[in-house]
N, C-alpha and C. Protein backbone atom coordinates (compact mmCIF):
# COMPACT_ATOMS: atom_id res chain seq x y z
N MET A 1 0.85 -1.18 0.00
CA MET A 1 0.00 0.00 0.00
C MET A 1 0.89 1.24 0.00
N GLY A 2 0.51 2.26 -0.78
CA GLY A 2 1.31 3.48 -0.88
C GLY A 2 1.08 4.42 0.29
N LYS A 3 1.58 5.61 0.12
CA LYS A 3 1.47 6.65 1.15
C LYS A 3 0.01 6.98 1.42
N THR A 4 -0.31 7.21 2.68
CA THR A 4 -1.65 7.65 3.06
C THR A 4 -1.53 8.86 3.97
N TRP A 5 -2.62 9.62 4.03
CA TRP A 5 -2.70 10.82 4.86
C TRP A 5 -4.00 10.76 5.64
N ASP A 6 -3.96 11.17 6.91
CA ASP A 6 -5.23 11.20 7.65
C ASP A 6 -5.97 12.48 7.29
N ILE A 7 -7.20 12.59 7.74
CA ILE A 7 -8.06 13.71 7.35
C ILE A 7 -7.44 15.06 7.73
N GLY A 8 -6.78 15.11 8.88
CA GLY A 8 -6.13 16.36 9.30
C GLY A 8 -4.99 16.75 8.37
N GLU A 9 -4.21 15.77 7.95
CA GLU A 9 -3.10 16.04 7.04
C GLU A 9 -3.62 16.49 5.67
N VAL A 10 -4.68 15.85 5.21
CA VAL A 10 -5.25 16.24 3.91
C VAL A 10 -5.84 17.65 4.02
N ALA A 11 -6.48 17.94 5.14
CA ALA A 11 -7.04 19.28 5.35
C ALA A 11 -5.91 20.32 5.31
N GLU A 12 -4.80 20.01 5.96
CA GLU A 12 -3.68 20.95 5.96
C GLU A 12 -3.06 21.08 4.56
N LEU A 13 -2.92 19.98 3.85
CA LEU A 13 -2.36 20.01 2.50
C LEU A 13 -3.20 20.85 1.55
N THR A 14 -4.53 20.73 1.67
CA THR A 14 -5.43 21.36 0.71
C THR A 14 -5.95 22.72 1.15
N GLY A 15 -5.84 23.01 2.45
CA GLY A 15 -6.42 24.25 2.97
C GLY A 15 -7.92 24.14 3.18
N LEU A 16 -8.45 22.95 3.09
CA LEU A 16 -9.87 22.71 3.30
C LEU A 16 -10.11 22.28 4.75
N ALA A 17 -11.27 22.62 5.26
CA ALA A 17 -11.64 22.17 6.60
C ALA A 17 -12.00 20.68 6.53
N PRO A 18 -11.72 19.95 7.59
CA PRO A 18 -12.13 18.54 7.62
C PRO A 18 -13.63 18.37 7.35
N SER A 19 -14.43 19.34 7.79
CA SER A 19 -15.88 19.26 7.53
C SER A 19 -16.17 19.31 6.03
N ALA A 20 -15.36 20.05 5.26
CA ALA A 20 -15.54 20.10 3.80
C ALA A 20 -15.23 18.73 3.20
N LEU A 21 -14.19 18.09 3.70
CA LEU A 21 -13.84 16.76 3.20
C LEU A 21 -14.96 15.76 3.50
N ARG A 22 -15.52 15.84 4.70
CA ARG A 22 -16.64 14.95 5.05
C ARG A 22 -17.86 15.25 4.17
N HIS A 23 -18.07 16.54 3.87
CA HIS A 23 -19.18 16.93 3.00
C HIS A 23 -18.99 16.33 1.60
N TYR A 24 -17.78 16.40 1.07
CA TYR A 24 -17.50 15.80 -0.24
C TYR A 24 -17.79 14.31 -0.22
N GLU A 25 -17.50 13.66 0.91
CA GLU A 25 -17.81 12.24 1.06
C GLU A 25 -19.31 12.01 0.99
N ARG A 26 -20.07 12.81 1.75
CA ARG A 26 -21.54 12.66 1.75
C ARG A 26 -22.11 12.86 0.35
N GLU A 27 -21.47 13.73 -0.44
CA GLU A 27 -21.93 13.96 -1.82
C GLU A 27 -21.47 12.86 -2.76
N GLY A 28 -20.65 11.94 -2.25
CA GLY A 28 -20.17 10.82 -3.07
C GLY A 28 -19.03 11.19 -3.99
N LEU A 29 -18.38 12.32 -3.73
CA LEU A 29 -17.28 12.78 -4.60
C LEU A 29 -15.90 12.39 -4.09
N LEU A 30 -15.81 12.06 -2.81
CA LEU A 30 -14.53 11.73 -2.20
C LEU A 30 -14.70 10.43 -1.42
N HIS A 31 -13.76 9.53 -1.61
CA HIS A 31 -13.84 8.23 -0.95
C HIS A 31 -12.54 7.97 -0.20
N PRO A 32 -12.61 7.90 1.13
CA PRO A 32 -11.39 7.59 1.88
C PRO A 32 -10.91 6.18 1.56
N ALA A 33 -9.62 5.98 1.70
CA ALA A 33 -9.06 4.65 1.45
C ALA A 33 -9.42 3.71 2.60
N GLY A 34 -9.77 4.27 3.74
CA GLY A 34 -10.13 3.44 4.89
C GLY A 34 -10.18 4.28 6.15
N ARG A 35 -10.23 3.57 7.28
CA ARG A 35 -10.24 4.23 8.59
C ARG A 35 -9.26 3.50 9.49
N ALA A 36 -8.65 4.28 10.35
CA ALA A 36 -7.74 3.70 11.35
C ALA A 36 -7.93 4.50 12.63
N GLY A 37 -8.22 3.81 13.71
CA GLY A 37 -8.44 4.50 14.99
C GLY A 37 -9.59 5.49 14.91
N GLY A 38 -10.59 5.19 14.11
CA GLY A 38 -11.74 6.07 13.99
C GLY A 38 -11.52 7.26 13.07
N ARG A 39 -10.34 7.38 12.50
CA ARG A 39 -10.03 8.52 11.61
C ARG A 39 -9.95 8.05 10.16
N ARG A 40 -10.49 8.89 9.28
CA ARG A 40 -10.40 8.60 7.86
C ARG A 40 -8.96 8.79 7.40
N PHE A 41 -8.57 7.99 6.42
CA PHE A 41 -7.30 8.26 5.76
C PHE A 41 -7.49 8.13 4.26
N TYR A 42 -6.67 8.85 3.54
CA TYR A 42 -6.78 8.94 2.09
C TYR A 42 -5.46 8.53 1.47
N ASP A 43 -5.56 8.02 0.25
CA ASP A 43 -4.36 7.67 -0.51
C ASP A 43 -4.28 8.58 -1.74
N ALA A 44 -3.43 8.22 -2.69
CA ALA A 44 -3.25 9.04 -3.90
C ALA A 44 -4.57 9.17 -4.67
N THR A 45 -5.41 8.15 -4.63
CA THR A 45 -6.70 8.22 -5.31
C THR A 45 -7.56 9.33 -4.70
N GLY A 46 -7.56 9.43 -3.37
CA GLY A 46 -8.32 10.49 -2.70
C GLY A 46 -7.80 11.87 -3.08
N LEU A 47 -6.48 12.00 -3.17
CA LEU A 47 -5.91 13.29 -3.58
C LEU A 47 -6.32 13.62 -5.01
N ARG A 48 -6.37 12.61 -5.84
CA ARG A 48 -6.82 12.81 -7.23
C ARG A 48 -8.29 13.24 -7.26
N GLN A 49 -9.10 12.64 -6.42
CA GLN A 49 -10.51 13.04 -6.34
C GLN A 49 -10.63 14.50 -5.90
N LEU A 50 -9.82 14.90 -4.92
CA LEU A 50 -9.84 16.30 -4.47
C LEU A 50 -9.37 17.24 -5.57
N ALA A 51 -8.36 16.84 -6.33
CA ALA A 51 -7.89 17.67 -7.44
C ALA A 51 -8.99 17.80 -8.49
N THR A 52 -9.75 16.73 -8.71
CA THR A 52 -10.85 16.75 -9.67
C THR A 52 -11.95 17.71 -9.19
N ILE A 53 -12.30 17.63 -7.91
CA ILE A 53 -13.31 18.54 -7.35
C ILE A 53 -12.86 19.98 -7.52
N ASP A 54 -11.61 20.26 -7.17
CA ASP A 54 -11.07 21.62 -7.28
C ASP A 54 -11.11 22.09 -8.74
N HIS A 55 -10.71 21.23 -9.65
CA HIS A 55 -10.70 21.58 -11.08
C HIS A 55 -12.09 22.01 -11.54
N TRP A 56 -13.10 21.20 -11.22
CA TRP A 56 -14.44 21.50 -11.70
C TRP A 56 -15.09 22.65 -10.94
N GLN A 57 -14.72 22.85 -9.67
CA GLN A 57 -15.22 24.03 -8.96
C GLN A 57 -14.66 25.29 -9.60
N ARG A 58 -13.39 25.28 -9.95
CA ARG A 58 -12.78 26.45 -10.61
C ARG A 58 -13.42 26.72 -11.96
N ALA A 59 -13.94 25.68 -12.59
CA ALA A 59 -14.63 25.84 -13.87
C ALA A 59 -16.08 26.28 -13.67
N GLY A 60 -16.52 26.34 -12.41
CA GLY A 60 -17.85 26.85 -12.12
C GLY A 60 -18.92 25.80 -11.87
N LEU A 61 -18.57 24.53 -11.86
CA LEU A 61 -19.57 23.52 -11.58
C LEU A 61 -19.87 23.46 -10.08
N THR A 62 -21.11 23.18 -9.76
CA THR A 62 -21.51 23.00 -8.37
C THR A 62 -21.23 21.56 -7.95
N LEU A 63 -21.25 21.32 -6.66
CA LEU A 63 -21.07 19.95 -6.17
C LEU A 63 -22.19 19.05 -6.69
N ARG A 64 -23.39 19.60 -6.75
CA ARG A 64 -24.53 18.81 -7.25
C ARG A 64 -24.28 18.41 -8.71
N GLU A 65 -23.81 19.36 -9.53
CA GLU A 65 -23.54 19.04 -10.93
C GLU A 65 -22.43 17.99 -11.04
N MET A 66 -21.40 18.12 -10.21
CA MET A 66 -20.32 17.13 -10.23
C MET A 66 -20.85 15.76 -9.84
N SER A 67 -21.65 15.73 -8.79
CA SER A 67 -22.20 14.46 -8.33
C SER A 67 -23.05 13.82 -9.42
N GLU A 68 -23.89 14.62 -10.04
CA GLU A 68 -24.73 14.13 -11.14
C GLU A 68 -23.86 13.61 -12.28
N LEU A 69 -22.86 14.38 -12.63
CA LEU A 69 -22.01 14.02 -13.77
C LEU A 69 -21.22 12.75 -13.49
N PHE A 70 -20.65 12.64 -12.31
CA PHE A 70 -19.77 11.51 -12.04
C PHE A 70 -20.48 10.27 -11.53
N HIS A 71 -21.75 10.39 -11.16
CA HIS A 71 -22.45 9.21 -10.66
C HIS A 71 -23.58 8.78 -11.58
N ARG A 72 -24.57 9.62 -11.71
CA ARG A 72 -25.70 9.23 -12.55
C ARG A 72 -25.26 9.02 -13.99
N ASP A 73 -24.49 9.99 -14.49
CA ASP A 73 -24.08 9.92 -15.88
C ASP A 73 -22.70 9.26 -16.06
N ALA A 74 -22.06 8.93 -14.94
CA ALA A 74 -20.76 8.26 -14.96
C ALA A 74 -19.79 8.87 -15.96
N GLY A 75 -19.66 10.19 -15.89
CA GLY A 75 -18.70 10.87 -16.76
C GLY A 75 -19.18 11.06 -18.18
N ASP A 76 -20.48 11.06 -18.38
CA ASP A 76 -21.07 11.20 -19.70
C ASP A 76 -20.56 12.46 -20.40
N VAL A 77 -19.91 12.30 -21.53
CA VAL A 77 -19.32 13.41 -22.27
C VAL A 77 -20.40 14.36 -22.77
N ALA A 78 -21.54 13.85 -23.20
CA ALA A 78 -22.61 14.72 -23.71
C ALA A 78 -23.10 15.65 -22.60
N ARG A 79 -23.28 15.14 -21.40
CA ARG A 79 -23.72 15.98 -20.27
C ARG A 79 -22.64 16.99 -19.93
N MET A 80 -21.38 16.58 -19.98
CA MET A 80 -20.28 17.51 -19.69
C MET A 80 -20.27 18.63 -20.71
N LYS A 81 -20.50 18.31 -21.96
CA LYS A 81 -20.55 19.34 -23.01
C LYS A 81 -21.68 20.31 -22.75
N GLU A 82 -22.83 19.79 -22.33
CA GLU A 82 -23.98 20.65 -22.01
C GLU A 82 -23.63 21.61 -20.86
N LEU A 83 -23.04 21.07 -19.80
CA LEU A 83 -22.63 21.93 -18.68
C LEU A 83 -21.57 22.94 -19.10
N ALA A 84 -20.65 22.50 -19.95
CA ALA A 84 -19.59 23.40 -20.43
C ALA A 84 -20.18 24.55 -21.24
N LEU A 85 -21.13 24.27 -22.10
CA LEU A 85 -21.75 25.33 -22.91
C LEU A 85 -22.50 26.34 -22.04
N ILE A 86 -23.16 25.85 -21.01
CA ILE A 86 -23.85 26.75 -20.07
C ILE A 86 -22.84 27.64 -19.38
N ARG A 87 -21.75 27.05 -18.90
CA ARG A 87 -20.74 27.83 -18.18
C ARG A 87 -20.03 28.81 -19.11
N ILE A 88 -19.77 28.42 -20.36
CA ILE A 88 -19.13 29.32 -21.33
C ILE A 88 -20.01 30.53 -21.57
N ALA A 89 -21.32 30.34 -21.70
CA ALA A 89 -22.24 31.47 -21.89
C ALA A 89 -22.20 32.40 -20.67
N GLU A 90 -22.16 31.81 -19.47
CA GLU A 90 -22.05 32.63 -18.26
C GLU A 90 -20.75 33.43 -18.26
N LEU A 91 -19.66 32.77 -18.62
CA LEU A 91 -18.36 33.45 -18.66
C LEU A 91 -18.34 34.56 -19.71
N ASP A 92 -18.95 34.31 -20.86
CA ASP A 92 -19.00 35.35 -21.90
C ASP A 92 -19.73 36.59 -21.40
N ARG A 93 -20.85 36.38 -20.67
CA ARG A 93 -21.58 37.53 -20.11
C ARG A 93 -20.72 38.25 -19.07
N LEU A 94 -20.03 37.49 -18.23
CA LEU A 94 -19.18 38.09 -17.21
C LEU A 94 -18.01 38.85 -17.83
N ILE A 95 -17.41 38.29 -18.88
CA ILE A 95 -16.30 38.96 -19.56
C ILE A 95 -16.77 40.25 -20.21
N ALA A 96 -17.93 40.22 -20.86
CA ALA A 96 -18.47 41.43 -21.49
C ALA A 96 -18.72 42.50 -20.42
N HIS A 97 -19.28 42.09 -19.30
CA HIS A 97 -19.54 43.03 -18.21
C HIS A 97 -18.23 43.59 -17.66
N ALA A 98 -17.26 42.72 -17.41
CA ALA A 98 -15.97 43.17 -16.88
C ALA A 98 -15.27 44.11 -17.87
N THR A 99 -15.41 43.85 -19.15
CA THR A 99 -14.82 44.72 -20.17
C THR A 99 -15.46 46.11 -20.13
N GLN A 100 -16.78 46.17 -19.99
CA GLN A 100 -17.47 47.46 -19.88
C GLN A 100 -17.01 48.21 -18.64
N VAL A 101 -16.92 47.50 -17.53
CA VAL A 101 -16.47 48.14 -16.29
C VAL A 101 -15.04 48.64 -16.44
N ARG A 102 -14.19 47.85 -17.08
CA ARG A 102 -12.80 48.26 -17.28
C ARG A 102 -12.72 49.52 -18.13
N GLU A 103 -13.52 49.56 -19.20
CA GLU A 103 -13.53 50.74 -20.07
C GLU A 103 -14.00 51.98 -19.30
N MET A 104 -15.03 51.81 -18.47
CA MET A 104 -15.53 52.93 -17.69
C MET A 104 -14.47 53.41 -16.69
N LEU A 105 -13.84 52.47 -16.01
CA LEU A 105 -12.80 52.85 -15.05
C LEU A 105 -11.59 53.46 -15.75
N SER A 106 -11.22 52.93 -16.91
CA SER A 106 -10.10 53.50 -17.66
C SER A 106 -10.39 54.93 -18.07
N HIS A 107 -11.61 55.19 -18.51
CA HIS A 107 -11.98 56.56 -18.87
C HIS A 107 -11.88 57.47 -17.65
N THR A 108 -12.31 56.96 -16.50
CA THR A 108 -12.26 57.76 -15.27
C THR A 108 -10.84 58.23 -14.98
N THR A 109 -9.84 57.41 -15.30
CA THR A 109 -8.46 57.79 -14.98
C THR A 109 -7.92 58.91 -15.87
N VAL A 110 -8.56 59.15 -17.03
CA VAL A 110 -8.08 60.20 -17.94
C VAL A 110 -9.10 61.33 -18.12
N CYS A 111 -10.25 61.21 -17.49
CA CYS A 111 -11.31 62.21 -17.62
C CYS A 111 -10.82 63.56 -17.08
N THR A 112 -11.08 64.62 -17.83
CA THR A 112 -10.61 65.96 -17.43
C THR A 112 -11.68 66.77 -16.70
N HIS A 113 -12.87 66.22 -16.55
CA HIS A 113 -13.93 66.95 -15.86
C HIS A 113 -13.68 66.97 -14.35
N GLN A 114 -14.14 67.99 -13.70
CA GLN A 114 -13.94 68.14 -12.26
C GLN A 114 -14.91 67.28 -11.46
N ARG A 115 -16.07 67.01 -12.05
CA ARG A 115 -17.08 66.19 -11.38
C ARG A 115 -17.55 65.11 -12.36
N MET A 116 -17.84 63.93 -11.83
CA MET A 116 -18.28 62.82 -12.69
C MET A 116 -19.56 63.19 -13.44
N ASP A 117 -20.49 63.88 -12.78
CA ASP A 117 -21.75 64.19 -13.44
C ASP A 117 -21.61 65.22 -14.55
N GLU A 118 -20.42 65.81 -14.71
CA GLU A 118 -20.15 66.72 -15.83
C GLU A 118 -19.60 65.98 -17.05
N CYS A 119 -19.20 64.74 -16.87
CA CYS A 119 -18.56 63.96 -17.92
C CYS A 119 -19.62 63.32 -18.83
N PRO A 120 -19.57 63.63 -20.15
CA PRO A 120 -20.55 63.03 -21.07
C PRO A 120 -20.46 61.50 -21.13
N GLU A 121 -19.26 60.96 -21.03
CA GLU A 121 -19.11 59.49 -21.06
C GLU A 121 -19.80 58.86 -19.85
N TYR A 122 -19.60 59.45 -18.70
CA TYR A 122 -20.23 58.94 -17.48
C TYR A 122 -21.75 59.04 -17.59
N ARG A 123 -22.23 60.19 -18.04
CA ARG A 123 -23.68 60.38 -18.17
C ARG A 123 -24.26 59.38 -19.17
N LYS A 124 -23.53 59.13 -20.27
CA LYS A 124 -23.99 58.17 -21.27
C LYS A 124 -24.12 56.78 -20.63
N HIS A 125 -23.15 56.42 -19.82
CA HIS A 125 -23.17 55.13 -19.15
C HIS A 125 -24.37 55.04 -18.19
N ILE A 126 -24.60 56.08 -17.42
CA ILE A 126 -25.71 56.09 -16.47
C ILE A 126 -27.04 56.08 -17.21
N ASP A 127 -27.16 56.86 -18.28
CA ASP A 127 -28.39 56.87 -19.07
C ASP A 127 -28.70 55.48 -19.63
N ALA A 128 -27.67 54.78 -20.08
CA ALA A 128 -27.87 53.41 -20.60
C ALA A 128 -28.33 52.49 -19.48
N ALA A 129 -27.78 52.67 -18.29
CA ALA A 129 -28.19 51.85 -17.14
C ALA A 129 -29.65 52.12 -16.78
N VAL A 130 -30.07 53.38 -16.87
CA VAL A 130 -31.47 53.73 -16.59
C VAL A 130 -32.38 53.06 -17.61
N GLU A 131 -31.99 53.07 -18.88
CA GLU A 131 -32.79 52.41 -19.92
C GLU A 131 -32.91 50.91 -19.65
N GLN A 132 -31.81 50.30 -19.23
CA GLN A 132 -31.85 48.88 -18.90
C GLN A 132 -32.80 48.64 -17.72
N LEU A 133 -32.73 49.51 -16.74
CA LEU A 133 -33.59 49.39 -15.56
C LEU A 133 -35.05 49.49 -15.96
N LEU A 134 -35.37 50.48 -16.77
CA LEU A 134 -36.75 50.68 -17.21
C LEU A 134 -37.24 49.53 -18.09
N GLY A 135 -36.35 48.95 -18.84
CA GLY A 135 -36.73 47.84 -19.73
C GLY A 135 -36.72 46.48 -19.04
N GLY A 136 -36.36 46.47 -17.75
CA GLY A 136 -36.31 45.21 -17.03
C GLY A 136 -35.10 44.37 -17.37
N ASP A 137 -34.15 44.96 -18.10
CA ASP A 137 -32.98 44.20 -18.54
C ASP A 137 -31.95 43.96 -17.44
N LEU A 138 -32.03 44.65 -16.33
CA LEU A 138 -31.04 44.48 -15.28
C LEU A 138 -31.16 43.13 -14.58
N ARG A 139 -32.34 42.53 -14.66
CA ARG A 139 -32.52 41.21 -14.02
C ARG A 139 -31.63 40.16 -14.66
N ASP A 140 -31.29 40.34 -15.93
CA ASP A 140 -30.50 39.35 -16.65
C ASP A 140 -29.00 39.66 -16.64
N GLN A 141 -28.62 40.70 -15.94
CA GLN A 141 -27.21 41.09 -15.90
C GLN A 141 -26.43 40.22 -14.92
N PRO A 142 -25.13 40.07 -15.16
CA PRO A 142 -24.32 39.35 -14.18
C PRO A 142 -24.32 40.12 -12.87
N PRO A 143 -24.03 39.44 -11.78
CA PRO A 143 -23.98 40.15 -10.50
C PRO A 143 -22.85 41.18 -10.52
N PRO A 144 -22.95 42.21 -9.69
CA PRO A 144 -21.88 43.21 -9.66
C PRO A 144 -20.55 42.56 -9.32
N LEU A 145 -19.50 43.16 -9.86
CA LEU A 145 -18.17 42.66 -9.53
C LEU A 145 -17.94 42.90 -8.04
N GLN A 146 -17.27 41.96 -7.41
CA GLN A 146 -17.00 42.07 -5.98
C GLN A 146 -15.87 43.06 -5.74
N PRO A 147 -15.90 43.76 -4.60
CA PRO A 147 -14.80 44.66 -4.29
C PRO A 147 -13.49 43.88 -4.27
N MET A 148 -12.46 44.54 -4.79
CA MET A 148 -11.16 43.88 -4.84
C MET A 148 -10.49 43.97 -3.49
N ARG A 149 -9.75 42.93 -3.14
CA ARG A 149 -8.96 42.94 -1.92
C ARG A 149 -7.75 43.83 -2.18
N ARG A 150 -7.58 44.79 -1.33
CA ARG A 150 -6.44 45.69 -1.45
C ARG A 150 -5.21 45.07 -0.79
N PRO A 151 -4.03 45.19 -1.42
CA PRO A 151 -2.83 44.64 -0.80
C PRO A 151 -2.56 45.32 0.55
N THR A 152 -2.09 44.56 1.49
CA THR A 152 -1.71 45.09 2.80
C THR A 152 -0.20 45.06 2.91
N ARG A 153 0.31 45.62 3.98
CA ARG A 153 1.77 45.58 4.19
C ARG A 153 2.27 44.16 4.28
N ALA A 154 1.45 43.27 4.82
CA ALA A 154 1.86 41.87 4.94
C ALA A 154 2.08 41.23 3.56
N ASP A 155 1.42 41.75 2.54
CA ASP A 155 1.56 41.21 1.19
C ASP A 155 2.86 41.67 0.53
N GLN A 156 3.44 42.70 1.05
CA GLN A 156 4.63 43.27 0.40
C GLN A 156 5.90 42.62 0.85
């Protein structure tokens, strides 16, 4: 038998809480290699399962979608393609939104007006947002971008 890690070691390696690992087990996505002294332990297969979970979470799949894909459909490529197309459309909307925000912020850095409400570009952007609001189009917009974490002295 190869190298094994107990749940605490795996939690430390991955930065995940042991409760998250147990949750992945309940969802059927993670399978310990066994138990010793009442503690779960994992082998290279378990680490591979965790890498798979991380990969698909970063791609935007939910645990439910992963569970469905890997159990009911047993890795069905057609279902994966369907999920991929849905996620690509979501990413395209997010990229378009982020591009608009970037353009607006870039203009702000070179704008010569003393007040934002004096800037025609800013007013044009706000007027377009009002039109979207009145047309009910804001319901279909991606969520607002989250505030960025500012670097601290500890990061330097």
